[in-house]
Amino acid sequence: MLGWVITFLLIALVAAALGFGGIAGTAAGIAKVIFFIFIALFIISLVANALRGRGPKV
């Protein structure tokens, strides 16, 4: 999922550099949404793992 964020961020940067404001804004917005979904799922995963009482595998 983090790969998608980086992809949309790169699309936004290239579009902004070429002067396509609408496309750059849309790609940046999508990247933000996916990034926050990733962060939320990561935190939920950490909490669920902590509630199970198991540590990370080494």
PDB file of N, CA and C in Angstrom:
ATOM      1  N   MET A   1       0.830  -1.186   0.000  1.00  0.00           N
ATOM      2  CA  MET A   1       0.000   0.000   0.000  1.00  0.00           C
ATOM      3  C   MET A   1       0.874   1.250   0.000  1.00  0.00           C
ATOM      4  N   LEU A   2       1.997   1.172   0.706  1.00  0.00           N
ATOM      5  CA  LEU A   2       2.886   2.322   0.729  1.00  0.00           C
ATOM      6  C   LEU A   2       3.488   2.571  -0.647  1.00  0.00           C
ATOM      7  N   GLY A   3       3.608   1.523  -1.428  1.00  0.00           N
ATOM      8  CA  GLY A   3       4.084   1.667  -2.805  1.00  0.00           C
ATOM      9  C   GLY A   3       3.134   2.507  -3.645  1.00  0.00           C
ATOM     10  N   TRP A   4       1.841   2.355  -3.418  1.00  0.00           N
ATOM     11  CA  TRP A   4       0.848   3.158  -4.143  1.00  0.00           C
ATOM     12  C   TRP A   4       0.982   4.630  -3.772  1.00  0.00           C
ATOM     13  N   VAL A   5       1.242   4.899  -2.495  1.00  0.00           N
ATOM     14  CA  VAL A   5       1.414   6.278  -2.053  1.00  0.00           C
ATOM     15  C   VAL A   5       2.593   6.921  -2.777  1.00  0.00           C
ATOM     16  N   ILE A   6       3.690   6.197  -2.845  1.00  0.00           N
ATOM     17  CA  ILE A   6       4.875   6.722  -3.521  1.00  0.00           C
ATOM     18  C   ILE A   6       4.604   6.919  -5.004  1.00  0.00           C
ATOM     19  N   THR A   7       3.881   5.989  -5.625  1.00  0.00           N
ATOM     20  CA  THR A   7       3.548   6.112  -7.049  1.00  0.00           C
ATOM     21  C   THR A   7       2.714   7.361  -7.315  1.00  0.00           C
ATOM     22  N   PHE A   8       1.657   7.563  -6.540  1.00  0.00           N
ATOM     23  CA  PHE A   8       0.809   8.736  -6.738  1.00  0.00           C
ATOM     24  C   PHE A   8       1.548  10.025  -6.399  1.00  0.00           C
ATOM     25  N   LEU A   9       2.444   9.974  -5.426  1.00  0.00           N
ATOM     26  CA  LEU A   9       3.233  11.144  -5.102  1.00  0.00           C
ATOM     27  C   LEU A   9       4.154  11.508  -6.267  1.00  0.00           C
ATOM     28  N   LEU A  10       4.773  10.523  -6.884  1.00  0.00           N
ATOM     29  CA  LEU A  10       5.628  10.785  -8.045  1.00  0.00           C
ATOM     30  C   LEU A  10       4.821  11.325  -9.223  1.00  0.00           C
ATOM     31  N   ILE A  11       3.635  10.763  -9.435  1.00  0.00           N
ATOM     32  CA  ILE A  11       2.760  11.274 -10.501  1.00  0.00           C
ATOM     33  C   ILE A  11       2.411  12.735 -10.232  1.00  0.00           C
ATOM     34  N   ALA A  12       2.118  13.052  -8.978  1.00  0.00           N
ATOM     35  CA  ALA A  12       1.776  14.431  -8.621  1.00  0.00           C
ATOM     36  C   ALA A  12       2.955  15.366  -8.856  1.00  0.00           C
ATOM     37  N   LEU A  13       4.151  14.929  -8.500  1.00  0.00           N
ATOM     38  CA  LEU A  13       5.327  15.775  -8.686  1.00  0.00           C
ATOM     39  C   LEU A  13       5.630  16.012 -10.161  1.00  0.00           C
ATOM     40  N   VAL A  14       5.533  14.961 -10.974  1.00  0.00           N
ATOM     41  CA  VAL A  14       5.783  15.105 -12.406  1.00  0.00           C
ATOM     42  C   VAL A  14       4.722  15.986 -13.046  1.00  0.00           C
ATOM     43  N   ALA A  15       3.465  15.775 -12.678  1.00  0.00           N
ATOM     44  CA  ALA A  15       2.380  16.584 -13.238  1.00  0.00           C
ATOM     45  C   ALA A  15       2.525  18.048 -12.828  1.00  0.00           C
ATOM     46  N   ALA A  16       2.944  18.289 -11.602  1.00  0.00           N
ATOM     47  CA  ALA A  16       3.135  19.669 -11.143  1.00  0.00           C
ATOM     48  C   ALA A  16       4.288  20.329 -11.890  1.00  0.00           C
ATOM     49  N   ALA A  17       5.345  19.560 -12.126  1.00  0.00           N
ATOM     50  CA  ALA A  17       6.500  20.104 -12.847  1.00  0.00           C
ATOM     51  C   ALA A  17       6.134  20.448 -14.295  1.00  0.00           C
ATOM     52  N   LEU A  18       5.220  19.688 -14.880  1.00  0.00           N
ATOM     53  CA  LEU A  18       4.813  19.933 -16.263  1.00  0.00           C
ATOM     54  C   LEU A  18       3.675  20.944 -16.371  1.00  0.00           C
ATOM     55  N   GLY A  19       3.141  21.376 -15.248  1.00  0.00           N
ATOM     56  CA  GLY A  19       2.118  22.413 -15.265  1.00  0.00           C
ATOM     57  C   GLY A  19       0.692  21.917 -15.308  1.00  0.00           C
ATOM     58  N   PHE A  20       0.480  20.645 -15.053  1.00  0.00           N
ATOM     59  CA  PHE A  20      -0.875  20.100 -15.031  1.00  0.00           C
ATOM     60  C   PHE A  20      -1.395  20.174 -13.599  1.00  0.00           C
ATOM     61  N   GLY A  21      -1.946  21.317 -13.219  1.00  0.00           N
ATOM     62  CA  GLY A  21      -2.359  21.547 -11.839  1.00  0.00           C
ATOM     63  C   GLY A  21      -3.460  20.630 -11.357  1.00  0.00           C
ATOM     64  N   GLY A  22      -4.460  20.383 -12.203  1.00  0.00           N
ATOM     65  CA  GLY A  22      -5.581  19.536 -11.785  1.00  0.00           C
ATOM     66  C   GLY A  22      -5.169  18.102 -11.541  1.00  0.00           C
ATOM     67  N   ILE A  23      -4.349  17.573 -12.425  1.00  0.00           N
ATOM     68  CA  ILE A  23      -3.883  16.195 -12.273  1.00  0.00           C
ATOM     69  C   ILE A  23      -2.974  16.080 -11.058  1.00  0.00           C
ATOM     70  N   ALA A  24      -2.115  17.080 -10.873  1.00  0.00           N
ATOM     71  CA  ALA A  24      -1.199  17.053  -9.729  1.00  0.00           C
ATOM     72  C   ALA A  24      -1.976  17.098  -8.410  1.00  0.00           C
ATOM     73  N   GLY A  25      -2.990  17.936  -8.343  1.00  0.00           N
ATOM     74  CA  GLY A  25      -3.795  18.035  -7.128  1.00  0.00           C
ATOM     75  C   GLY A  25      -4.553  16.758  -6.832  1.00  0.00           C
ATOM     76  N   THR A  26      -5.082  16.152  -7.885  1.00  0.00           N
ATOM     77  CA  THR A  26      -5.818  14.896  -7.710  1.00  0.00           C
ATOM     78  C   THR A  26      -4.897  13.776  -7.258  1.00  0.00           C
ATOM     79  N   ALA A  27      -3.737  13.648  -7.894  1.00  0.00           N
ATOM     80  CA  ALA A  27      -2.796  12.590  -7.518  1.00  0.00           C
ATOM     81  C   ALA A  27      -2.275  12.804  -6.104  1.00  0.00           C
ATOM     82  N   ALA A  28      -2.023  14.042  -5.727  1.00  0.00           N
ATOM     83  CA  ALA A  28      -1.568  14.326  -4.371  1.00  0.00           C
ATOM     84  C   ALA A  28      -2.667  14.000  -3.357  1.00  0.00           C
ATOM     85  N   GLY A  29      -3.905  14.309  -3.697  1.00  0.00           N
ATOM     86  CA  GLY A  29      -5.026  13.976  -2.806  1.00  0.00           C
ATOM     87  C   GLY A  29      -5.182  12.483  -2.617  1.00  0.00           C
ATOM     88  N   ILE A  30      -5.058  11.736  -3.702  1.00  0.00           N
ATOM     89  CA  ILE A  30      -5.147  10.273  -3.615  1.00  0.00           C
ATOM     90  C   ILE A  30      -4.010   9.728  -2.765  1.00  0.00           C
ATOM     91  N   ALA A  31      -2.807  10.270  -2.963  1.00  0.00           N
ATOM     92  CA  ALA A  31      -1.652   9.822  -2.181  1.00  0.00           C
ATOM     93  C   ALA A  31      -1.868  10.086  -0.693  1.00  0.00           C
ATOM     94  N   LYS A  32      -2.448  11.237  -0.355  1.00  0.00           N
ATOM     95  CA  LYS A  32      -2.715  11.550   1.048  1.00  0.00           C
ATOM     96  C   LYS A  32      -3.710  10.573   1.653  1.00  0.00           C
ATOM     97  N   VAL A  33      -4.791  10.305   0.921  1.00  0.00           N
ATOM     98  CA  VAL A  33      -5.822   9.398   1.433  1.00  0.00           C
ATOM     99  C   VAL A  33      -5.249   8.006   1.656  1.00  0.00           C
ATOM    100  N   ILE A  34      -4.525   7.487   0.675  1.00  0.00           N
ATOM    101  CA  ILE A  34      -3.949   6.148   0.811  1.00  0.00           C
ATOM    102  C   ILE A  34      -2.930   6.116   1.939  1.00  0.00           C
ATOM    103  N   PHE A  35      -2.150   7.191   2.098  1.00  0.00           N
ATOM    104  CA  PHE A  35      -1.163   7.245   3.176  1.00  0.00           C
ATOM    105  C   PHE A  35      -1.844   7.180   4.535  1.00  0.00           C
ATOM    106  N   PHE A  36      -2.928   7.931   4.723  1.00  0.00           N
ATOM    107  CA  PHE A  36      -3.607   7.912   6.015  1.00  0.00           C
ATOM    108  C   PHE A  36      -4.306   6.576   6.270  1.00  0.00           C
ATOM    109  N   ILE A  37      -4.787   5.918   5.225  1.00  0.00           N
ATOM    110  CA  ILE A  37      -5.347   4.575   5.387  1.00  0.00           C
ATOM    111  C   ILE A  37      -4.243   3.621   5.821  1.00  0.00           C
ATOM    112  N   PHE A  38      -3.055   3.741   5.205  1.00  0.00           N
ATOM    113  CA  PHE A  38      -1.921   2.912   5.580  1.00  0.00           C
ATOM    114  C   PHE A  38      -1.553   3.120   7.045  1.00  0.00           C
ATOM    115  N   ILE A  39      -1.493   4.371   7.483  1.00  0.00           N
ATOM    116  CA  ILE A  39      -1.145   4.664   8.879  1.00  0.00           C
ATOM    117  C   ILE A  39      -2.182   4.080   9.828  1.00  0.00           C
ATOM    118  N   ALA A  40      -3.466   4.223   9.488  1.00  0.00           N
ATOM    119  CA  ALA A  40      -4.528   3.689  10.346  1.00  0.00           C
ATOM    120  C   ALA A  40      -4.438   2.169  10.448  1.00  0.00           C
ATOM    121  N   LEU A  41      -4.227   1.492   9.332  1.00  0.00           N
ATOM    122  CA  LEU A  41      -4.111   0.036   9.361  1.00  0.00           C
ATOM    123  C   LEU A  41      -2.864  -0.409  10.121  1.00  0.00           C
ATOM    124  N   PHE A  42      -1.790   0.349  10.009  1.00  0.00           N
ATOM    125  CA  PHE A  42      -0.572   0.030  10.739  1.00  0.00           C
ATOM    126  C   PHE A  42      -0.792   0.132  12.243  1.00  0.00           C
ATOM    127  N   ILE A  43      -1.472   1.194  12.684  1.00  0.00           N
ATOM    128  CA  ILE A  43      -1.740   1.375  14.113  1.00  0.00           C
ATOM    129  C   ILE A  43      -2.681   0.287  14.620  1.00  0.00           C
ATOM    130  N   ILE A  44      -3.693  -0.047  13.842  1.00  0.00           N
ATOM    131  CA  ILE A  44      -4.618  -1.119  14.234  1.00  0.00           C
ATOM    132  C   ILE A  44      -3.871  -2.439  14.364  1.00  0.00           C
ATOM    133  N   SER A  45      -2.948  -2.691  13.449  1.00  0.00           N
ATOM    134  CA  SER A  45      -2.148  -3.913  13.496  1.00  0.00           C
ATOM    135  C   SER A  45      -1.270  -3.948  14.743  1.00  0.00           C
ATOM    136  N   LEU A  46      -0.663  -2.814  15.086  1.00  0.00           N
ATOM    137  CA  LEU A  46       0.168  -2.765  16.288  1.00  0.00           C
ATOM    138  C   LEU A  46      -0.651  -3.009  17.548  1.00  0.00           C
ATOM    139  N   VAL A  47      -1.829  -2.394  17.620  1.00  0.00           N
ATOM    140  CA  VAL A  47      -2.690  -2.563  18.794  1.00  0.00           C
ATOM    141  C   VAL A  47      -3.173  -4.005  18.897  1.00  0.00           C
ATOM    142  N   ALA A  48      -3.583  -4.587  17.778  1.00  0.00           N
ATOM    143  CA  ALA A  48      -4.056  -5.976  17.803  1.00  0.00           C
ATOM    144  C   ALA A  48      -2.950  -6.921  18.224  1.00  0.00           C
ATOM    145  N   ASN A  49      -1.739  -6.665  17.754  1.00  0.00           N
ATOM    146  CA  ASN A  49      -0.610  -7.507  18.129  1.00  0.00           C
ATOM    147  C   ASN A  49      -0.289  -7.350  19.614  1.00  0.00           C
ATOM    148  N   ALA A  50      -0.393  -6.127  20.134  1.00  0.00           N
ATOM    149  CA  ALA A  50      -0.123  -5.896  21.547  1.00  0.00           C
ATOM    150  C   ALA A  50      -1.179  -6.556  22.429  1.00  0.00           C
ATOM    151  N   LEU A  51      -2.432  -6.559  21.983  1.00  0.00           N
ATOM    152  CA  LEU A  51      -3.502  -7.175  22.776  1.00  0.00           C
ATOM    153  C   LEU A  51      -3.390  -8.686  22.800  1.00  0.00           C
ATOM    154  N   ARG A  52      -2.816  -9.276  21.759  1.00  0.00           N
ATOM    155  CA  ARG A  52      -2.619 -10.718  21.755  1.00  0.00           C
ATOM    156  C   ARG A  52      -1.505 -11.142  22.709  1.00  0.00           C
ATOM    157  N   GLY A  53      -0.612 -10.223  23.017  1.00  0.00           N
ATOM    158  CA  GLY A  53       0.447 -10.521  23.971  1.00  0.00           C
ATOM    159  C   GLY A  53       1.669 -11.160  23.347  1.00  0.00           C
ATOM    160  N   ARG A  54       1.710 -11.222  22.046  1.00  0.00           N
ATOM    161  CA  ARG A  54       2.882 -11.806  21.397  1.00  0.00           C
ATOM    162  C   ARG A  54       3.783 -10.687  20.900  1.00  0.00           C
ATOM    163  N   GLY A  55       5.072 -10.906  21.021  1.00  0.00           N
ATOM    164  CA  GLY A  55       6.035  -9.953  20.507  1.00  0.00           C
ATOM    165  C   GLY A  55       6.330 -10.233  19.038  1.00  0.00           C
ATOM    166  N   PRO A  56       7.112  -9.376  18.428  1.00  0.00           N
ATOM    167  CA  PRO A  56       7.467  -9.606  17.021  1.00  0.00           C
ATOM    168  C   PRO A  56       8.382 -10.819  16.884  1.00  0.00           C
ATOM    169  N   LYS A  57       8.271 -11.506  15.760  1.00  0.00           N
ATOM    170  CA  LYS A  57       9.116 -12.661  15.507  1.00  0.00           C
ATOM    171  C   LYS A  57      10.538 -12.207  15.221  1.00  0.00           C
ATOM    172  N   VAL A  58      11.469 -12.894  15.820  1.00  0.00           N
ATOM    173  CA  VAL A  58      12.876 -12.526  15.624  1.00  0.00           C
ATOM    174  C   VAL A  58      13.568 -13.559  14.794  1.00  0.00           C
TER     175      VAL A  58
END
